[in-house]
Amino acid sequence: MTQRVYGIVGWKNSGKTTLMERVVARIVARGFSVSTVKHAHHEVDVDRPGKDSRRHRDAGAREVMLASSRRWALMHELRGAPEPSLEALLARMSPVDLVLVEGYKRDSHPKVEAHRVGRGAPLIANEDPTVRAVASDAPLAGLHVPNLPLDDADAVADFILAELGLIPAREGAR
């Protein structure tokens, strides 16, 4: 079975983890099985209260994989070996209805970009055709993909599930 994979990307402090946590909870509440992959650019410890991996698990993910340049967990120390690709990590995961990926913005899977206008960061969507929608805290003019409200996890979950053919597309969706 090929895993259905969808990503949430964005620059630092754009709201990725909060959006991810809320979208996982909404999709799990609808009866779908969800696992997550969280990419980190730093050394990480797994599953401490308040940390992103724990938040994914607490939101209902069946399996949480955390990946960084030093280790990936279901706990595996890399000990100087190169960081595994997203594809290699996904191959190690148990089958589920959907794997949501936080980070890996340069990989080829479809993505929703989390964007906060006040942060002044450029839109990834303008340069990356794999970004299929932007979830923003304000309307964005001239966007060539749907603009979803950053604080509406149900709308983001609907968009992702419809994109993957797991639910029908909503009429009138932005």
Protein backbone atom coordinates (compact mmCIF):
# COMPACT_ATOMS: atom_id res chain seq x y z
CA MET A 1 0.00 0.00 0.00
CA THR A 2 1.37 3.39 -0.97
CA GLN A 3 1.02 5.92 1.82
CA ARG A 4 -1.00 9.06 1.20
CA VAL A 5 1.30 11.91 2.22
CA TYR A 6 0.51 15.60 2.68
CA GLY A 7 2.68 18.28 4.21
CA ILE A 8 2.40 21.42 6.27
CA VAL A 9 5.30 23.79 5.68
CA GLY A 10 6.22 27.35 6.54
CA TRP A 11 8.98 29.51 7.93
CA LYS A 12 9.90 29.51 11.62
CA ASN A 13 7.10 30.70 13.92
CA SER A 14 4.50 30.60 11.14
CA GLY A 15 2.15 28.33 13.10
CA LYS A 16 3.06 24.98 11.50
CA THR A 17 3.00 22.87 14.66
CA THR A 18 -0.21 24.37 16.02
CA LEU A 19 -1.92 23.92 12.65
CA MET A 20 -0.55 20.37 12.36
CA GLU A 21 -1.78 19.45 15.84
CA ARG A 22 -5.26 20.79 15.14
CA VAL A 23 -5.51 19.19 11.67
CA VAL A 24 -4.40 15.78 13.03
CA ALA A 25 -7.09 15.99 15.72
CA ARG A 26 -9.80 16.97 13.18
CA ILE A 27 -8.90 14.18 10.75
CA VAL A 28 -8.64 11.53 13.49
CA ALA A 29 -12.03 12.68 14.85
CA ARG A 30 -13.51 11.83 11.42
CA GLY A 31 -12.35 8.23 11.77
CA PHE A 32 -9.20 8.30 9.65
CA SER A 33 -5.91 6.86 10.87
CA VAL A 34 -3.11 9.41 10.81
CA SER A 35 0.62 9.23 11.44
CA THR A 36 2.99 12.17 11.37
CA VAL A 37 6.58 12.95 10.45
CA LYS A 38 8.14 16.05 12.03
CA HIS A 39 11.40 17.34 10.60
CA ALA A 40 13.74 19.16 12.97
CA HIS A 41 16.90 21.09 12.13
CA HIS A 42 18.41 20.51 15.56
CA GLU A 43 19.17 17.75 18.02
CA VAL A 44 15.97 16.48 19.57
CA ASP A 45 14.71 14.51 22.52
CA VAL A 46 11.51 12.60 21.94
CA ASP A 47 8.21 12.71 23.73
CA ARG A 48 8.79 15.20 26.54
CA PRO A 49 5.60 17.03 27.56
CA GLY A 50 5.10 20.19 25.53
CA LYS A 51 7.42 19.12 22.70
CA ASP A 52 6.11 18.84 19.12
CA SER A 53 6.34 15.02 18.93
CA ARG A 54 4.31 14.69 22.13
CA ARG A 55 1.75 17.18 20.80
CA HIS A 56 1.29 15.10 17.62
CA ARG A 57 0.79 11.95 19.72
CA ASP A 58 -1.57 13.69 22.13
CA ALA A 59 -3.59 14.91 19.11
CA GLY A 60 -4.26 11.29 18.16
CA ALA A 61 -1.56 10.27 15.69
CA ARG A 62 -1.15 6.50 15.68
CA GLU A 63 2.52 6.73 15.00
CA VAL A 64 4.85 9.71 15.29
CA MET A 65 8.19 9.81 13.59
CA LEU A 66 10.53 12.66 14.46
CA ALA A 67 13.47 13.28 12.14
CA SER A 68 16.51 15.52 12.46
CA SER A 69 20.04 15.68 11.14
CA ARG A 70 21.29 13.69 14.14
CA ARG A 71 18.59 11.07 14.75
CA TRP A 72 15.15 9.90 13.80
CA ALA A 73 12.79 8.26 16.20
CA LEU A 74 11.03 5.38 16.61
CA MET A 75 14.32 5.74 18.28
CA HIS A 76 17.23 5.26 15.95
CA GLU A 77 20.56 6.92 16.54
CA LEU A 78 22.29 7.87 13.28
CA ARG A 79 25.74 8.25 14.87
CA GLY A 80 27.17 10.40 12.09
CA ALA A 81 25.36 8.68 9.20
CA PRO A 82 23.56 11.00 6.78
CA GLU A 83 20.02 12.10 7.53
CA PRO A 84 17.55 9.69 5.87
CA SER A 85 15.26 10.97 3.13
CA LEU A 86 11.56 11.43 3.75
CA GLU A 87 10.93 8.50 1.39
CA ALA A 88 13.18 6.22 3.49
CA LEU A 89 11.42 7.30 6.68
CA LEU A 90 7.96 6.76 5.21
CA ALA A 91 8.97 3.24 4.15
CA ARG A 92 9.51 2.39 7.84
CA MET A 93 6.03 3.48 8.92
CA SER A 94 2.98 1.30 9.35
CA PRO A 95 0.16 1.78 6.83
CA VAL A 96 -2.43 4.44 7.73
CA ASP A 97 -5.02 6.47 5.84
CA LEU A 98 -2.77 9.55 5.82
CA VAL A 99 0.74 10.60 6.84
CA LEU A 100 0.97 14.32 7.61
CA VAL A 101 4.47 15.75 7.31
CA GLU A 102 5.61 18.90 9.12
CA GLY A 103 8.62 20.36 7.36
CA TYR A 104 10.48 18.83 4.41
CA LYS A 105 9.48 21.91 2.42
CA ARG A 106 11.80 21.00 -0.47
CA ASP A 107 10.37 17.50 -1.00
CA SER A 108 7.88 16.73 -3.79
CA HIS A 109 4.74 15.79 -1.82
CA PRO A 110 1.75 18.19 -1.86
CA LYS A 111 1.68 20.78 0.92
CA VAL A 112 -0.28 23.51 2.69
CA GLU A 113 1.82 26.51 3.68
CA ALA A 114 1.25 28.10 7.09
CA HIS A 115 1.84 31.85 6.76
CA ARG A 116 1.66 34.78 9.17
CA VAL A 117 1.56 38.11 7.33
CA GLY A 118 3.16 40.05 10.19
CA ARG A 119 6.32 37.93 10.12
CA GLY A 120 7.27 39.41 6.74
CA ALA A 121 8.54 36.10 5.35
CA PRO A 122 8.17 35.45 1.63
CA LEU A 123 5.50 33.02 0.50
CA ILE A 124 6.88 29.58 -0.31
CA ALA A 125 3.84 29.06 -2.58
CA ASN A 126 5.14 31.68 -5.02
CA GLU A 127 8.20 29.55 -5.80
CA ASP A 128 7.01 25.99 -5.13
CA PRO A 129 4.32 24.27 -7.24
CA THR A 130 3.91 21.53 -4.60
CA VAL A 131 2.26 24.09 -2.27
CA ARG A 132 -1.41 23.54 -3.06
CA ALA A 133 -2.90 26.12 -0.61
CA VAL A 134 -1.82 28.77 1.88
CA ALA A 135 -3.33 28.89 5.38
CA SER A 136 -2.85 32.52 6.41
CA ASP A 137 -3.87 34.78 9.27
CA ALA A 138 -5.04 37.38 6.71
CA PRO A 139 -6.37 37.36 3.14
CA LEU A 140 -3.61 37.38 0.53
CA ALA A 141 -4.07 39.20 -2.78
CA GLY A 142 -2.89 37.67 -6.03
CA LEU A 143 -2.43 34.18 -4.67
CA HIS A 144 -2.57 31.46 -7.37
CA VAL A 145 -3.66 28.75 -4.89
CA PRO A 146 -6.54 28.67 -2.38
CA ASN A 147 -6.16 30.94 0.67
CA LEU A 148 -7.47 29.17 3.78
CA PRO A 149 -7.87 30.72 7.24
CA LEU A 150 -4.90 29.72 9.43
CA ASP A 151 -7.17 29.42 12.46
CA ASP A 152 -9.72 27.14 10.71
CA ALA A 153 -8.30 23.63 11.08
CA ASP A 154 -11.55 22.12 9.76
CA ALA A 155 -11.16 24.01 6.47
CA VAL A 156 -7.52 22.90 6.17
CA ALA A 157 -8.43 19.29 7.03
CA ASP A 158 -11.27 19.36 4.45
CA PHE A 159 -8.90 20.73 1.82
CA ILE A 160 -6.27 18.02 2.45
CA LEU A 161 -8.80 15.17 2.59
CA ALA A 162 -10.48 16.38 -0.62
CA GLU A 163 -7.11 16.76 -2.38
CA LEU A 164 -6.33 13.14 -1.53
CA GLY A 165 -9.78 11.91 -2.59
CA LEU A 166 -10.70 10.82 0.93
CA ILE A 167 -13.79 13.09 0.96
CA PRO A 168 -15.61 14.95 -1.82
CA ALA A 169 -14.41 18.49 -2.50
CA ARG A 170 -16.58 21.15 -0.86
CA GLU A 171 -18.53 23.33 -3.23
CA GLY A 172 -17.50 26.96 -3.05
CA ALA A 173 -14.17 26.16 -1.40
CA ARG A 174 -11.72 29.02 -1.79
